[in-house]
Amino acid sequence: MSAARLQGFPPVARADARVLVLGSMPGAASLTAQRYYAHPQNRFWPIMGALVGADPALPYEQRLRRLNDAGIALWDVLASCERSGSLDTAIRAAEANDFARFFATHARVGAVLFNGAQAETSFRRLVLPGLRAPLPALRRLPSTSPANASQPMQMKLAAWREALVEAGVAVLPG
């Protein structure tokens, strides 16, 4: 199977966002649905439901609104890439999004939370060298992808809770 050139999504962010959650590139289910974290086995929305009320049972636009109301922006490191399937390991010819512009227009972002290792690796390799200080705090979290099934949901939830609390996000009791 040959790799297709894929285009990512625009950021979901208000100007007052304080936290930016970054994935690497939307998977096949997300690209088909044109929604972040659309794969039914991805744990992102259940985690965000438990932490900020962006429950997967809510319509997509309401989930995005809950994230934004909590001060959380959502985006991906890559604007485009070539990839067969959905695995990050299959990404080739990657092009990063314009983070200099994003941080200039979202000056209150004090923390960048990477949804998994590939998002962090891509950001550090493709984006970080072109950014000027001061930079937000950078932190890798356990991937919510179904490909990261080795970590239990409660471990992922605890790590995401800790990171959001440290970033100043008011999370639901749990």
Protein backbone atom coordinates (compact mmCIF):
# COMPACT_ATOMS: atom_id res chain seq x y z
CA MET A 1 0.00 0.00 0.00
CA SER A 2 1.44 3.39 -0.94
CA ALA A 3 1.50 6.28 1.49
CA ALA A 4 -1.02 9.04 0.95
CA ARG A 5 -0.32 12.76 1.56
CA LEU A 6 -2.51 13.70 4.51
CA GLN A 7 -3.57 17.12 5.78
CA GLY A 8 -4.21 17.76 9.47
CA PHE A 9 -6.85 19.92 11.12
CA PRO A 10 -6.77 23.55 12.21
CA PRO A 11 -6.33 24.20 15.92
CA VAL A 12 -9.31 24.27 18.23
CA ALA A 13 -8.33 27.17 20.44
CA ARG A 14 -9.58 30.37 21.94
CA ALA A 15 -7.24 33.33 22.37
CA ASP A 16 -7.31 32.82 26.16
CA ALA A 17 -6.11 29.18 26.05
CA ARG A 18 -3.63 28.27 28.80
CA VAL A 19 -2.81 24.68 27.77
CA LEU A 20 -2.13 23.23 24.33
CA VAL A 21 -2.64 19.48 23.87
CA LEU A 22 -0.72 18.19 20.86
CA GLY A 23 -1.09 14.94 19.01
CA SER A 24 1.17 13.98 16.14
CA MET A 25 -1.25 13.67 13.19
CA PRO A 26 -4.90 12.57 13.07
CA GLY A 27 -5.38 8.86 12.45
CA ALA A 28 -7.49 7.38 9.66
CA ALA A 29 -10.73 7.36 11.71
CA SER A 30 -10.25 11.01 12.67
CA LEU A 31 -9.45 12.08 9.12
CA THR A 32 -12.53 10.28 7.83
CA ALA A 33 -14.76 11.82 10.51
CA GLN A 34 -12.97 15.19 10.36
CA ARG A 35 -12.81 15.17 14.17
CA TYR A 36 -10.00 14.97 16.67
CA TYR A 37 -9.64 11.58 18.38
CA ALA A 38 -12.52 9.93 16.51
CA HIS A 39 -11.36 6.31 16.86
CA PRO A 40 -13.85 4.68 19.26
CA GLN A 41 -11.05 3.02 21.23
CA ASN A 42 -8.99 6.17 21.68
CA ARG A 43 -9.10 7.15 25.36
CA PHE A 44 -8.76 10.93 24.82
CA TRP A 45 -12.45 11.79 25.12
CA PRO A 46 -13.13 9.48 28.08
CA ILE A 47 -10.17 11.09 29.87
CA MET A 48 -11.32 14.61 29.01
CA GLY A 49 -14.83 13.65 30.07
CA ALA A 50 -13.58 12.62 33.50
CA LEU A 51 -11.38 15.69 33.88
CA VAL A 52 -13.25 18.63 32.32
CA GLY A 53 -16.68 17.26 31.40
CA ALA A 54 -15.94 16.77 27.68
CA ASP A 55 -17.66 13.40 27.81
CA PRO A 56 -17.67 11.25 24.65
CA ALA A 57 -21.48 11.02 24.86
CA LEU A 58 -21.73 14.77 24.15
CA PRO A 59 -21.92 16.02 20.58
CA TYR A 60 -18.44 16.78 19.20
CA GLU A 61 -18.91 20.58 19.15
CA GLN A 62 -19.96 20.54 22.83
CA ARG A 63 -16.86 18.52 23.74
CA LEU A 64 -14.67 21.08 21.98
CA ARG A 65 -16.47 23.88 23.80
CA ARG A 66 -15.87 22.17 27.16
CA LEU A 67 -12.16 21.93 26.37
CA ASN A 68 -12.00 25.58 25.36
CA ASP A 69 -13.99 26.65 28.43
CA ALA A 70 -11.39 24.84 30.57
CA GLY A 71 -8.58 26.75 28.84
CA ILE A 72 -7.44 23.78 26.75
CA ALA A 73 -6.52 24.12 23.07
CA LEU A 74 -6.22 21.12 20.77
CA TRP A 75 -3.97 20.67 17.75
CA ASP A 76 -1.38 18.41 16.15
CA VAL A 77 2.31 18.92 15.58
CA LEU A 78 2.08 18.04 11.91
CA ALA A 79 0.24 20.03 9.27
CA SER A 80 0.77 17.27 6.72
CA CYS A 81 2.66 14.04 6.14
CA GLU A 82 2.73 10.88 4.12
CA ARG A 83 1.44 7.80 5.90
CA SER A 84 -0.12 4.43 5.16
CA GLY A 85 -2.64 3.54 7.85
CA SER A 86 -2.79 5.28 11.22
CA LEU A 87 0.41 4.38 13.03
CA ASP A 88 2.79 7.20 13.91
CA THR A 89 5.71 4.94 13.01
CA ALA A 90 4.53 5.06 9.38
CA ILE A 91 4.78 8.88 9.14
CA ARG A 92 7.12 10.16 6.43
CA ALA A 93 7.82 13.56 4.79
CA ALA A 94 6.34 15.44 7.75
CA GLU A 95 5.65 19.17 7.71
CA ALA A 96 4.99 20.97 10.98
CA ASN A 97 2.25 23.45 11.77
CA ASP A 98 3.14 27.13 12.30
CA PHE A 99 3.73 27.26 16.05
CA ALA A 100 5.46 30.64 16.01
CA ARG A 101 2.20 32.15 14.79
CA PHE A 102 0.12 30.05 17.18
CA PHE A 103 2.10 31.08 20.26
CA ALA A 104 2.09 34.73 19.11
CA THR A 105 -1.71 34.72 18.98
CA HIS A 106 -2.18 32.52 22.07
CA ALA A 107 0.27 34.21 24.43
CA ARG A 108 -1.33 32.79 27.59
CA VAL A 109 -0.40 29.19 26.74
CA GLY A 110 1.90 28.18 29.57
CA ALA A 111 2.00 24.43 29.00
CA VAL A 112 2.20 22.12 26.01
CA LEU A 113 1.06 18.57 26.74
CA PHE A 114 2.11 15.97 24.20
CA ASN A 115 -0.30 13.11 23.65
CA GLY A 116 2.40 10.47 23.34
CA ALA A 117 6.04 10.13 22.40
CA GLN A 118 5.71 10.75 18.65
CA ALA A 119 4.07 14.14 19.19
CA GLU A 120 6.91 15.18 21.50
CA THR A 121 9.63 13.82 19.21
CA SER A 122 8.18 15.55 16.15
CA PHE A 123 7.77 18.84 18.02
CA ARG A 124 11.33 18.79 19.37
CA ARG A 125 12.79 17.89 15.96
CA LEU A 126 10.66 19.99 13.60
CA VAL A 127 9.34 22.90 15.69
CA LEU A 128 11.47 23.66 18.73
CA PRO A 129 14.62 24.77 16.85
CA GLY A 130 12.62 27.54 15.15
CA LEU A 131 10.95 28.94 18.27
CA ARG A 132 12.22 31.78 20.42
CA ALA A 133 12.22 31.84 24.20
CA PRO A 134 10.37 32.09 26.44
CA LEU A 135 8.67 28.82 25.69
CA PRO A 136 5.76 27.13 27.48
CA ALA A 137 6.50 24.16 29.72
CA LEU A 138 6.68 20.97 27.64
CA ARG A 139 5.46 17.66 29.02
CA ARG A 140 4.90 14.25 27.43
CA LEU A 141 1.89 12.27 28.61
CA PRO A 142 0.86 8.68 27.94
CA SER A 143 -0.68 8.36 24.50
CA THR A 144 -4.44 7.92 24.49
CA SER A 145 -4.19 5.95 21.24
CA PRO A 146 -5.51 2.39 21.08
CA ALA A 147 -1.99 1.47 19.92
CA ASN A 148 -0.84 2.28 23.48
CA ALA A 149 -2.84 -0.49 25.13
CA SER A 150 -0.04 -1.51 27.51
CA GLN A 151 -0.88 1.26 30.00
CA PRO A 152 -4.11 0.90 31.96
CA MET A 153 -6.75 3.61 31.64
CA GLN A 154 -6.41 4.60 35.32
CA MET A 155 -2.68 5.23 34.87
CA LYS A 156 -3.32 7.42 31.83
CA LEU A 157 -6.11 9.28 33.63
CA ALA A 158 -3.90 9.96 36.66
CA ALA A 159 -1.06 11.30 34.50
CA TRP A 160 -3.37 13.58 32.52
CA ARG A 161 -5.06 14.79 35.72
CA GLU A 162 -1.70 15.67 37.31
CA ALA A 163 -0.51 17.53 34.19
CA LEU A 164 -3.71 19.57 33.83
CA VAL A 165 -3.76 20.49 37.51
CA GLU A 166 -0.10 21.57 37.33
CA ALA A 167 -0.98 23.69 34.29
CA GLY A 168 -3.73 25.46 36.26
CA VAL A 169 -6.75 23.76 34.73
CA ALA A 170 -9.67 23.26 37.11
CA VAL A 171 -10.45 19.55 36.83
CA LEU A 172 -13.48 17.68 38.09
CA PRO A 173 -13.04 15.75 41.35
CA GLY A 174 -12.21 12.17 40.77
